[in-house]
Amino acid sequence: MLVGVLVLAGGVLLGLYGLFALLYRDHGGGSTYVRLFGRRIDAHLVGGITLVVALAVVIAAVQTLRRSRLHLADRFVKRS
């Protein structure tokens, strides 16, 4: 269960980074770039890809949390 919560928190933080990258504007109004692995990449492209990855991470975390909750509930159910 702890792993699911940590992965969910990571997905939310990743989503925030993607949102900030999409909303980032240069003061001069020109092209916006971010440095990633030593290369200049368009900030909007990075933001879009990051949001897609964040969505996948959040979905995986929710599935993990549901599975662990069901497994935990099965432990306490009396079987006759």
Protein backbone atom coordinates (compact mmCIF):
# COMPACT_ATOMS: atom_id res chain seq x y z
CA MET A 1 0.00 0.00 0.00
CA LEU A 2 2.88 2.35 0.78
CA VAL A 3 4.33 1.76 -2.68
CA GLY A 4 1.04 2.78 -4.29
CA VAL A 5 0.88 5.98 -2.27
CA LEU A 6 4.49 6.86 -3.15
CA VAL A 7 3.93 6.16 -6.84
CA LEU A 8 0.74 8.24 -6.75
CA ALA A 9 2.62 11.16 -5.16
CA GLY A 10 5.34 10.84 -7.80
CA GLY A 11 2.75 10.87 -10.57
CA VAL A 12 1.13 14.00 -9.17
CA LEU A 13 4.50 15.77 -8.92
CA LEU A 14 5.34 14.70 -12.46
CA GLY A 15 1.99 16.06 -13.62
CA LEU A 16 2.68 19.40 -11.94
CA TYR A 17 6.04 19.60 -13.70
CA GLY A 18 4.33 18.89 -17.02
CA LEU A 19 1.71 21.53 -16.36
CA PHE A 20 4.36 24.11 -15.48
CA ALA A 21 6.31 23.23 -18.62
CA LEU A 22 3.18 23.75 -20.74
CA LEU A 23 2.40 27.08 -19.11
CA TYR A 24 5.99 28.38 -19.19
CA ARG A 25 6.47 31.53 -21.26
CA ASP A 26 9.71 33.36 -21.97
CA HIS A 27 9.86 37.02 -20.98
CA GLY A 28 10.61 38.04 -24.56
CA GLY A 29 7.74 36.01 -25.98
CA GLY A 30 10.02 33.85 -28.13
CA SER A 31 10.41 30.12 -28.25
CA THR A 32 10.58 28.42 -24.89
CA TYR A 33 13.07 25.67 -24.23
CA VAL A 34 14.04 23.60 -21.22
CA ARG A 35 17.33 21.81 -20.67
CA LEU A 36 16.88 18.08 -20.40
CA PHE A 37 19.88 15.75 -20.33
CA GLY A 38 22.06 18.58 -21.61
CA ARG A 39 19.90 19.28 -24.66
CA ARG A 40 17.51 22.13 -25.37
CA ILE A 41 14.01 20.79 -25.98
CA ASP A 42 10.78 22.71 -26.58
CA ALA A 43 9.04 23.24 -23.22
CA HIS A 44 5.59 22.51 -24.63
CA LEU A 45 6.72 19.17 -26.03
CA VAL A 46 8.30 18.23 -22.71
CA GLY A 47 5.15 19.31 -20.86
CA GLY A 48 2.84 17.27 -23.08
CA ILE A 49 4.94 14.12 -22.87
CA THR A 50 5.32 14.55 -19.12
CA LEU A 51 1.55 14.86 -18.64
CA VAL A 52 0.95 11.65 -20.60
CA VAL A 53 3.57 9.80 -18.55
CA ALA A 54 2.13 11.27 -15.32
CA LEU A 55 -1.34 10.06 -16.28
CA ALA A 56 -0.01 6.53 -16.84
CA VAL A 57 1.82 6.61 -13.48
CA VAL A 58 -1.29 7.81 -11.64
CA ILE A 59 -3.44 5.10 -13.27
CA ALA A 60 -0.88 2.45 -12.30
CA ALA A 61 -0.78 3.76 -8.73
CA VAL A 62 -4.57 3.72 -8.42
CA GLN A 63 -4.66 0.15 -9.73
CA THR A 64 -1.99 -0.85 -7.21
CA LEU A 65 -3.90 0.79 -4.37
CA ARG A 66 -7.16 -0.91 -5.38
CA ARG A 67 -5.48 -4.28 -5.61
CA SER A 68 -3.82 -3.90 -2.22
CA ARG A 69 -7.09 -2.75 -0.65
CA LEU A 70 -8.93 -5.77 -2.06
CA HIS A 71 -6.15 -8.07 -0.87
CA LEU A 72 -6.32 -6.51 2.58
CA ALA A 73 -10.11 -6.88 2.67
CA ASP A 74 -9.83 -10.57 1.73
CA ARG A 75 -7.62 -11.17 4.75
CA PHE A 76 -10.33 -10.07 7.17
CA VAL A 77 -13.32 -11.74 5.52
CA LYS A 78 -14.44 -14.86 7.38
CA ARG A 79 -14.67 -17.88 5.16
CA SER A 80 -17.22 -20.51 6.07
